[in-house]
Protein backbone atom coordinates (compact mmCIF):
# COMPACT_ATOMS: atom_id res chain seq x y z
CA MET A 1 61.58 134.92 94.31
CA ARG A 2 63.76 135.77 97.34
CA ASN A 3 64.49 139.31 98.47
CA GLU A 4 67.93 140.82 98.85
CA ASN A 5 68.13 140.15 102.59
CA GLU A 6 67.36 136.45 102.30
CA VAL A 7 70.10 134.14 103.59
CA LYS A 8 72.57 133.29 100.86
CA TYR A 9 75.35 130.81 101.53
CA ALA A 10 78.74 131.51 99.99
CA GLY A 11 79.73 129.28 97.10
CA PHE A 12 82.91 127.34 96.44
CA PHE A 13 84.65 129.95 94.27
CA SER A 14 83.70 132.84 96.57
CA ARG A 15 85.24 131.02 99.52
CA LEU A 16 88.27 130.08 97.45
CA ALA A 17 88.77 133.73 96.52
CA VAL A 18 88.59 134.76 100.18
CA PHE A 19 91.04 132.03 101.15
CA LEU A 20 93.60 133.08 98.52
CA VAL A 21 93.37 136.72 99.61
CA ASP A 22 93.82 135.68 103.25
CA ILE A 23 96.81 133.49 102.36
CA LEU A 24 98.48 136.50 100.73
CA ILE A 25 97.83 138.58 103.84
CA VAL A 26 99.12 135.89 106.21
CA SER A 27 102.20 135.40 104.01
CA PHE A 28 102.91 139.13 104.21
CA LEU A 29 102.50 139.08 108.00
CA LEU A 30 104.85 136.11 108.29
CA TYR A 31 107.43 137.76 106.04
CA THR A 32 107.28 140.94 108.13
CA LEU A 33 107.50 139.01 111.41
CA THR A 34 110.41 136.78 110.40
CA SER A 35 112.27 139.78 108.96
CA VAL A 36 112.09 141.40 112.40
CA ILE A 37 112.84 138.38 114.62
CA GLY A 38 115.18 136.71 112.14
CA GLU A 39 113.68 133.22 112.30
CA SER A 40 112.62 132.60 108.74
CA GLY A 41 110.78 129.32 108.25
CA SER A 42 109.85 128.84 111.90
CA ARG A 43 106.92 126.43 112.07
CA VAL A 44 105.83 127.91 115.38
CA ALA A 45 105.59 131.38 113.83
CA ILE A 46 103.54 130.04 110.92
CA VAL A 47 101.08 128.27 113.23
CA VAL A 48 100.69 131.20 115.64
CA VAL A 49 100.24 133.88 112.97
CA ALA A 50 97.75 131.82 110.95
CA TRP A 51 95.78 130.84 114.06
CA LEU A 52 95.57 134.38 115.45
CA TYR A 53 94.69 135.89 112.08
CA TRP A 54 91.72 133.60 111.43
CA ALA A 55 90.57 133.03 115.02
CA VAL A 56 90.63 136.70 116.07
CA SER A 57 89.11 137.96 112.81
CA LEU A 58 86.23 135.48 112.84
CA SER A 59 85.42 135.78 116.54
CA ARG A 60 85.65 139.58 116.65
CA TRP A 61 84.32 140.70 113.25
CA SER A 62 82.86 137.49 111.76
CA ARG A 63 85.06 137.99 108.71
CA THR A 64 88.69 138.14 107.73
CA LEU A 65 90.14 140.94 105.60
CA GLY A 66 89.52 138.76 102.56
CA GLY A 67 85.93 138.24 103.66
CA LYS A 68 85.48 141.96 104.21
CA LEU A 69 86.73 142.67 100.70
CA LEU A 70 84.45 140.12 99.05
CA GLY A 71 81.40 140.34 101.31
CA ILE A 72 81.76 136.95 103.05
CA GLU A 73 80.89 136.38 106.73
CA VAL A 74 81.27 133.37 109.03
CA ARG A 75 78.67 132.88 111.76
CA SER A 76 77.21 130.13 113.89
CA VAL A 77 74.07 128.39 112.58
CA ASP A 78 71.94 130.60 114.84
CA GLY A 79 73.38 133.73 113.23
CA LEU A 80 75.64 134.78 116.11
CA PRO A 81 79.39 135.41 115.86
CA LEU A 82 81.67 132.46 116.67
CA SER A 83 83.41 132.40 120.02
CA PHE A 84 87.21 132.54 120.03
CA ALA A 85 87.34 128.87 121.09
CA LYS A 86 85.09 127.73 118.23
CA ALA A 87 86.95 129.91 115.75
CA SER A 88 90.23 128.33 116.91
CA ILE A 89 88.83 124.82 116.51
CA ARG A 90 87.55 125.73 113.06
CA VAL A 91 91.04 126.89 112.03
CA ALA A 92 92.66 123.71 113.39
CA VAL A 93 90.20 121.39 111.63
CA SER A 94 90.47 123.30 108.35
CA PHE A 95 94.24 122.72 108.24
CA ALA A 96 94.08 119.12 109.48
CA PRO A 97 93.87 117.62 105.94
CA PHE A 98 97.12 119.34 105.00
CA VAL A 99 98.85 117.97 108.12
CA LEU A 100 97.52 114.46 107.41
CA TYR A 101 98.70 114.76 103.81
CA THR A 102 102.21 115.70 104.94
CA VAL A 103 102.42 112.88 107.50
CA TRP A 104 101.09 110.30 105.04
CA ARG A 105 103.58 111.32 102.36
CA ASP A 106 106.46 111.09 104.86
CA MET A 107 105.34 107.58 105.82
CA GLN A 108 105.24 106.56 102.17
CA HIS A 109 108.75 107.89 101.54
CA SER A 110 110.13 105.73 104.38
CA ALA A 111 108.12 102.60 103.51
CA ILE A 112 109.81 99.40 102.38
CA PRO A 113 109.15 98.48 99.63
CA THR A 114 108.27 101.80 98.02
CA PRO A 115 104.49 101.99 97.34
CA SER A 116 103.22 101.83 93.77
CA PRO A 117 102.45 105.10 91.92
CA THR A 118 98.72 104.49 92.46
CA ILE A 119 99.15 104.23 96.23
CA GLN A 120 101.39 107.31 96.22
CA MET A 121 98.51 109.32 94.74
CA LEU A 122 96.14 108.59 97.64
CA PRO A 123 97.46 111.24 100.09
CA GLN A 124 96.48 113.95 97.62
CA LEU A 125 92.84 112.91 98.00
CA VAL A 126 93.06 113.65 101.73
CA TYR A 127 94.01 117.22 100.87
CA LEU A 128 91.91 117.84 97.75
CA LEU A 129 88.57 116.11 98.43
CA PRO A 130 87.35 117.75 101.72
CA PRO A 131 86.65 121.18 100.11
CA PHE A 132 84.25 119.54 97.64
CA LEU A 133 81.97 118.57 100.54
CA ILE A 134 80.46 122.02 100.03
CA PHE A 135 78.55 120.68 97.02
CA PHE A 136 76.83 117.95 99.06
CA THR A 137 75.59 119.85 102.12
CA VAL A 138 72.39 121.90 102.30
CA LYS A 139 74.08 124.92 103.86
CA ARG A 140 77.25 124.55 101.79
CA GLN A 141 79.32 123.58 104.81
CA MET A 142 82.76 122.01 104.82
CA ILE A 143 84.12 119.67 107.50
CA HIS A 144 85.35 122.48 109.75
CA ASP A 145 81.91 124.15 109.48
CA LEU A 146 80.13 120.95 110.49
CA VAL A 147 82.47 120.41 113.46
CA VAL A 148 81.85 123.82 115.09
CA GLY A 149 78.38 124.48 113.64
CA SER A 150 79.31 127.44 111.47
CA ILE A 151 77.93 128.74 108.18
CA VAL A 152 79.52 130.99 105.59
CA LEU A 153 77.24 133.74 104.27
CA ASP A 154 77.48 135.79 101.10
CA VAL A 155 76.33 139.25 102.23
CA SER A 156 77.79 141.13 99.29
CA GLN A 157 74.30 141.84 97.87
CA SER A 158 72.50 142.48 101.15
CA ALA A 159 71.13 145.92 101.90
CA ILE A 160 73.42 146.28 104.92
CA TYR A 161 76.55 145.52 102.95
CA ALA A 162 75.43 147.40 99.85
CA ASN A 163 75.02 150.61 101.88
CA HIS A 164 78.39 150.08 103.53
CA THR A 165 81.09 152.35 102.12
CA VAL A 166 83.47 149.43 101.62
CA GLY A 167 80.77 147.45 99.85
CA LYS A 168 80.15 150.26 97.37
CA ALA A 169 83.85 150.78 96.76
CA VAL A 170 84.63 147.18 95.93
CA SER A 171 81.43 146.06 94.23
CA PHE A 172 82.97 146.14 90.77
CA GLY A 173 86.40 145.02 91.99
CA GLN A 174 84.78 142.05 93.70
CA LYS A 175 83.43 140.75 90.40
CA ILE A 176 86.82 141.16 88.75
CA VAL A 177 88.55 139.33 91.61
CA ARG A 178 86.11 136.44 91.41
CA ILE A 179 86.56 136.12 87.65
CA VAL A 180 90.35 136.13 88.07
CA VAL A 181 90.18 133.58 90.90
CA VAL A 182 87.88 131.25 88.96
CA GLY A 183 90.11 131.47 85.88
CA THR A 184 93.25 130.91 87.94
CA PHE A 185 91.66 127.98 89.74
CA LEU A 186 90.64 126.33 86.48
CA LEU A 187 94.15 126.80 85.06
CA LEU A 188 95.78 125.41 88.19
CA PHE A 189 93.31 122.55 88.38
CA GLY A 190 94.04 121.66 84.75
CA TYR A 191 97.79 121.86 85.42
CA VAL A 192 97.50 119.66 88.51
CA MET A 193 95.45 117.08 86.61
CA LEU A 194 97.95 117.08 83.73
CA TYR A 195 100.94 116.90 86.08
CA THR A 196 99.30 114.14 88.11
CA SER A 197 98.48 112.04 85.07
CA VAL A 198 101.98 112.46 83.62
CA PHE A 199 103.56 111.70 87.01
CA PHE A 200 101.36 108.64 87.35
CA MET A 201 102.21 107.31 83.89
CA LEU A 202 105.94 107.96 84.23
CA GLY A 203 106.00 106.50 87.72
CA LYS A 204 104.13 103.42 86.59
CA HIS A 205 106.41 103.00 83.59
CA GLN A 206 109.53 103.29 85.74
CA ARG A 207 108.15 100.90 88.33
CA ASP A 208 107.17 98.36 85.67
CA ALA A 209 110.57 98.65 84.00
CA TYR A 210 112.31 98.25 87.37
CA ASN A 211 110.28 95.15 88.24
CA ALA A 212 110.86 93.67 84.78
CA SER A 213 114.62 94.19 85.12
CA PHE A 214 114.76 91.40 87.70
CA HIS A 215 113.44 88.91 85.15
CA THR A 216 115.63 89.98 82.23
CA VAL A 217 118.94 88.59 81.02
CA TYR A 218 120.82 91.53 79.51
CA PRO A 219 123.19 91.08 76.55
CA VAL A 220 126.80 91.76 77.56
CA ASN A 221 130.16 91.05 75.93
CA ASP A 222 133.28 90.54 78.00
CA ARG A 223 135.38 90.68 74.79
CA ASN A 224 137.19 87.60 76.07
CA ASP A 225 139.17 90.02 78.21
CA SER A 226 140.53 88.19 81.25
CA THR A 227 140.48 91.37 83.35
CA ILE A 228 136.84 92.12 82.52
CA ILE A 229 135.99 88.48 83.30
CA PHE A 230 137.80 88.82 86.64
CA TYR A 231 135.82 91.92 87.64
CA ARG A 232 132.56 90.39 86.43
CA GLN A 233 133.18 87.57 88.93
CA GLU A 234 134.08 90.13 91.60
CA LEU A 235 130.84 91.97 90.80
CA GLU A 236 128.79 88.80 91.15
CA ARG A 237 130.37 88.05 94.52
CA ALA A 238 129.69 91.58 95.80
CA SER A 239 126.12 91.44 94.43
CA LYS A 240 125.42 88.26 96.38
CA ALA A 241 126.78 89.91 99.53
CA PHE A 242 124.57 92.95 98.88
CA ILE A 243 121.40 90.86 98.62
CA ASP A 244 122.32 88.87 101.75
CA ALA A 245 123.18 92.02 103.75
CA ASP A 246 120.96 92.82 106.73
CA ASP A 247 122.43 95.89 108.41
CA MET A 248 123.58 99.41 107.61
CA TYR A 249 127.28 98.64 107.28
CA ASP A 250 127.01 95.38 105.27
CA ILE A 251 124.68 97.03 102.74
CA PHE A 252 127.11 99.95 102.38
CA GLU A 253 130.22 97.76 102.05
CA ALA A 254 128.74 95.45 99.43
CA ASP A 255 127.39 98.37 97.39
CA VAL A 256 130.74 100.19 97.32
CA LYS A 257 132.47 96.98 96.23
CA ARG A 258 129.88 96.57 93.45
CA ASP A 259 130.72 100.08 92.29
CA PHE A 260 134.45 99.34 92.19
CA ALA A 261 133.89 96.22 90.07
CA VAL A 262 131.56 98.02 87.64
CA ASP A 263 133.90 101.03 87.43
CA CYS A 264 136.80 98.78 86.43
CA ILE A 265 134.66 97.00 83.82
CA GLU A 266 133.50 100.32 82.37
CA TYR A 267 137.04 101.69 82.33
CA LEU A 268 138.35 98.66 80.43
CA LEU A 269 135.44 98.72 77.97
CA ARG A 270 136.10 102.37 77.28
CA GLU A 271 139.89 102.43 77.16
CA ASP A 272 140.78 99.00 75.74
CA HIS A 273 137.80 98.18 73.54
CA ASN A 274 136.53 101.62 72.45
CA VAL A 275 132.94 100.81 73.49
CA SER A 276 130.85 103.94 72.96
CA ASN A 277 127.99 102.93 75.28
CA TRP A 278 130.29 101.71 78.05
CA ILE A 279 128.12 103.21 80.81
CA GLU A 280 125.01 101.42 79.56
CA GLU A 281 126.89 98.15 79.15
CA GLY A 282 128.36 98.48 82.62
CA SER A 283 124.82 98.87 83.95
CA ARG A 284 123.84 95.64 82.19
CA PHE A 285 126.76 93.82 83.84
CA ARG A 286 125.51 95.10 87.21
CA LYS A 287 121.90 93.99 86.61
CA ASN A 288 122.94 90.53 85.41
CA ALA A 289 125.12 90.06 88.48
CA ARG A 290 122.23 91.07 90.74
CA ASN A 291 119.74 88.84 88.93
CA LYS A 292 122.02 85.83 89.19
CA TYR A 293 121.25 85.73 92.93
CA ALA A 294 117.91 87.57 93.02
CA ASP A 295 116.35 84.53 91.34
CA THR A 296 113.33 83.97 93.61
CA GLU A 297 110.56 86.30 94.70
CA GLU A 298 111.96 86.29 98.22
CA MET A 299 115.46 87.27 97.04
CA ILE A 300 114.05 89.89 94.63
CA LYS A 301 112.13 91.42 97.52
CA LYS A 302 115.34 91.46 99.58
CA ALA A 303 117.32 93.11 96.77
CA LYS A 304 114.63 95.76 96.28
CA ALA A 305 114.53 96.52 100.00
CA ASN A 306 118.31 97.01 100.19
CA GLU A 307 118.40 99.18 97.06
CA ASP A 308 115.58 101.31 98.46
CA TYR A 309 117.46 101.54 101.77
CA LEU A 310 120.47 103.01 99.97
CA GLY A 311 118.30 105.64 98.30
CA ARG A 312 116.72 106.73 101.57
CA HIS A 313 120.08 106.94 103.35
CA PHE A 314 121.93 108.79 100.60
CA TYR A 315 122.84 111.71 102.88
CA ASP A 316 123.53 109.54 105.92
CA TYR A 317 126.25 107.74 103.98
CA ASP A 318 127.16 110.95 102.07
CA PHE A 319 127.43 109.17 98.74
CA ASN A 320 128.71 112.34 97.06
CA GLU A 321 131.83 112.05 99.19
CA VAL A 322 131.92 108.27 98.71
CA ASP A 323 132.03 108.83 94.95
CA SER A 324 134.72 111.49 95.30
CA ILE A 325 137.01 109.18 97.30
CA ALA A 326 136.30 106.15 95.10
CA ARG A 327 137.25 108.07 91.93
CA ARG A 328 140.75 108.56 93.34
CA LEU A 329 141.17 104.77 93.31
CA VAL A 330 139.16 103.76 90.23
CA ASP A 331 137.98 106.26 87.64
CA PRO A 332 135.82 104.81 84.82
CA PHE A 333 136.44 108.01 82.82
CA GLY A 334 140.16 107.32 82.85
CA GLY A 335 141.00 110.63 84.48
CA ASN A 336 143.08 108.97 87.19
CA GLY A 337 145.08 106.71 84.92
CA SER A 338 147.94 105.98 87.32
CA GLU A 339 145.60 104.67 89.98
CA ASN A 340 143.63 102.65 87.42
CA ASN A 341 146.88 101.03 86.29
CA ARG A 342 147.58 100.07 89.90
CA THR A 343 144.06 98.82 90.65
CA CYS A 344 142.03 97.70 87.63
CA ARG A 345 144.84 96.68 85.33
CA LYS A 346 146.60 94.75 88.09
CA LYS A 347 143.35 92.88 88.84
CA MET A 348 143.33 94.18 92.39
CA PRO A 349 140.41 92.45 94.16
CA VAL A 350 137.61 94.77 95.22
CA ASP A 351 138.23 93.74 98.84
CA GLU A 352 141.70 95.30 98.65
CA ILE A 353 140.47 98.42 96.86
CA TYR A 354 137.80 98.76 99.55
CA ARG A 355 140.39 98.53 102.34
CA GLU A 356 142.20 101.52 100.85
CA PHE A 357 138.92 103.34 100.42
CA ILE A 358 137.41 102.79 103.86
CA TYR A 359 140.20 104.42 105.89
CA ARG A 360 139.98 107.55 103.77
CA TYR A 361 136.21 107.47 104.11
CA ILE A 362 136.37 107.19 107.93
CA ALA A 363 138.77 110.14 108.06
CA ASN A 364 136.32 112.10 105.92
CA ARG A 365 133.45 111.27 108.29
CA GLU A 366 135.54 112.51 111.20
CA GLU A 367 136.06 115.81 109.42
CA ALA A 368 132.32 116.00 108.71
CA LEU A 369 131.66 115.46 112.41
CA LYS A 370 133.96 118.36 113.33
CA ARG A 371 132.26 120.65 110.80
CA ASN A 372 128.77 119.81 112.03
CA MET A 373 129.76 120.26 115.68
CA GLN A 374 131.17 123.67 114.78
CA GLU A 375 128.01 124.59 112.86
CA GLU A 376 125.86 123.42 115.77
CA LYS A 377 127.80 125.68 118.11
CA TYR A 378 126.90 128.82 116.13
CA ALA A 379 123.50 127.78 114.69
CA LYS A 380 120.31 129.65 115.61
CA PRO A 381 117.80 128.00 117.98
CA SER A 382 115.19 127.71 115.21
CA GLY A 383 114.64 128.36 111.54
CA TYR A 384 116.52 126.94 108.56
CA LEU A 385 119.54 124.76 109.50
CA ASN A 386 118.99 125.38 113.20
CA LYS A 387 120.63 123.76 116.23
CA SER A 388 118.19 120.87 116.17
CA PHE A 389 119.21 120.06 112.57
CA TYR A 390 122.93 119.97 113.41
CA GLN A 391 122.31 118.03 116.61
CA GLY A 392 120.62 115.36 114.51
CA ARG A 393 123.51 115.34 112.04
CA VAL A 394 126.10 115.09 114.83
CA LYS A 395 124.19 112.22 116.45
CA GLN A 396 123.89 110.34 113.16
CA ILE A 397 127.55 110.77 112.19
CA LYS A 398 128.72 109.68 115.64
CA SER A 399 126.55 106.58 115.46
CA TRP A 400 127.86 105.73 111.99
CA LEU A 401 131.47 106.33 113.05
CA ASN A 402 131.07 103.99 116.02
CA ILE A 403 129.98 101.26 113.59
CA LEU A 404 132.94 101.99 111.31
CA TYR A 405 135.40 101.92 114.23
CA GLU A 406 133.99 98.58 115.37
CA LYS A 407 134.25 97.09 111.87
CA HIS A 408 137.75 98.48 111.28
CA PRO A 409 139.81 98.42 114.48
CA GLY A 410 142.96 98.82 112.38
CA TYR A 411 141.96 102.39 111.59
CA ALA A 412 143.47 103.59 114.88
CA VAL A 413 146.91 102.32 113.79
CA TYR A 414 146.41 103.80 110.31
CA LYS A 415 145.57 107.16 111.84
CA VAL A 416 148.76 107.18 113.91
CA GLN A 417 150.80 106.20 110.86
CA GLN A 418 149.26 108.98 108.79
CA LYS A 419 150.05 111.46 111.54
CA HIS A 420 153.70 110.34 111.62
CA LEU A 421 153.91 110.54 107.83
CA ALA A 422 152.50 114.06 107.89
CA GLU A 423 154.99 115.08 110.56
CA GLN A 424 157.85 113.53 108.58
CA LYS A 425 156.82 115.35 105.40
CA GLU A 426 156.58 118.62 107.28
CA LYS A 427 160.03 118.04 108.78
CA GLU A 428 161.50 117.34 105.33
CA ARG A 429 159.82 120.45 103.95
CA ARG A 430 161.36 122.62 106.65
CA ILE A 431 164.85 121.14 106.05
CA LYS A 432 164.58 121.88 102.32
CA GLN A 433 163.39 125.40 103.05
CA GLN A 434 166.33 126.00 105.42
CA LYS A 435 168.76 124.78 102.80
CA ARG A 436 167.33 127.17 100.22
CA GLU A 437 167.65 130.04 102.67
């Protein structure tokens, strides 16, 4: 039977409790700091505060405030306090799994094709598994302990700590804290496992359904409507161009043309044939058109890559604005009836609809460039939506505009014409106003 001063290594839940207490303290320090300097969210501030808190506490007192509360000390294997350098290395190594997890997830999000749900789960192991090393080492050491040669001691029951005023004051509170931490951990662990399993099953189901869609012929009915038949053919032509596309602009152009063809089909199904599930049926028209040309594994892979590319560049293209402009030309809900009568009902080819669309879209991108340049001018050096963010946006929009200008040299003439029209309308407005006066 060991005496009360015998070495006792801190267990998993004790260390977890200390870590959670320290995280609360560091969060409070960060909140206070960023409130003063006005740079909320600064990564540099987070790194510096966390590093100084743990490195200074461990090298100077062998414990953090959380460790002091719960009777946990960190020392070298020979029992001496850690040096500041070793404490700093220990902090860096302890947070390395989280950094690796973040980098790995970012790489997965940009991968083509998108990894399967099983592969997407792997980064979580990088973050979750290292702490469990404590159960397989003699001195209950984690990776950062092994790297710097440190051990974590539970001195809450030692004579020295028991006689300490703080130790007496928190003896009962310490037990309560540990019970709460263990209970909270078990609840969170159960939630994470449930969330992970549900995410995995839903992700797998969606991925399987998506893959199966390329090998399915969907039932559609053109109602023997010559206009629907016309736009189905237009949709097939745009779908072939989409699969064959190899660069940023061609993918964008073909996708917008697909949308115009589907929107016209959906509008006609809804307005002329009273189809209740017109959105679902329009989606089936789209999938059939895609599958007509994505008929080999190579072409399916190409179609998947281009569809994934669109998803990852949603904000680069600003598809919210694309949709807003497109609805002024073709509105499947029938809200812009006069334009639908001029476009869909007149069997206007999607190439012509696109030509009207693209000039408005370029003008919109120019306005977006002006806004971002203005925001960059007044943005803070760091923090949320800082100068670096707007510089990146300005650079991206300029690059995209250069491509659009190259593809549509006629836009310069259009812009001059629009300016003259605006001046003429303003002149007419002034004449009418003078007459009224």
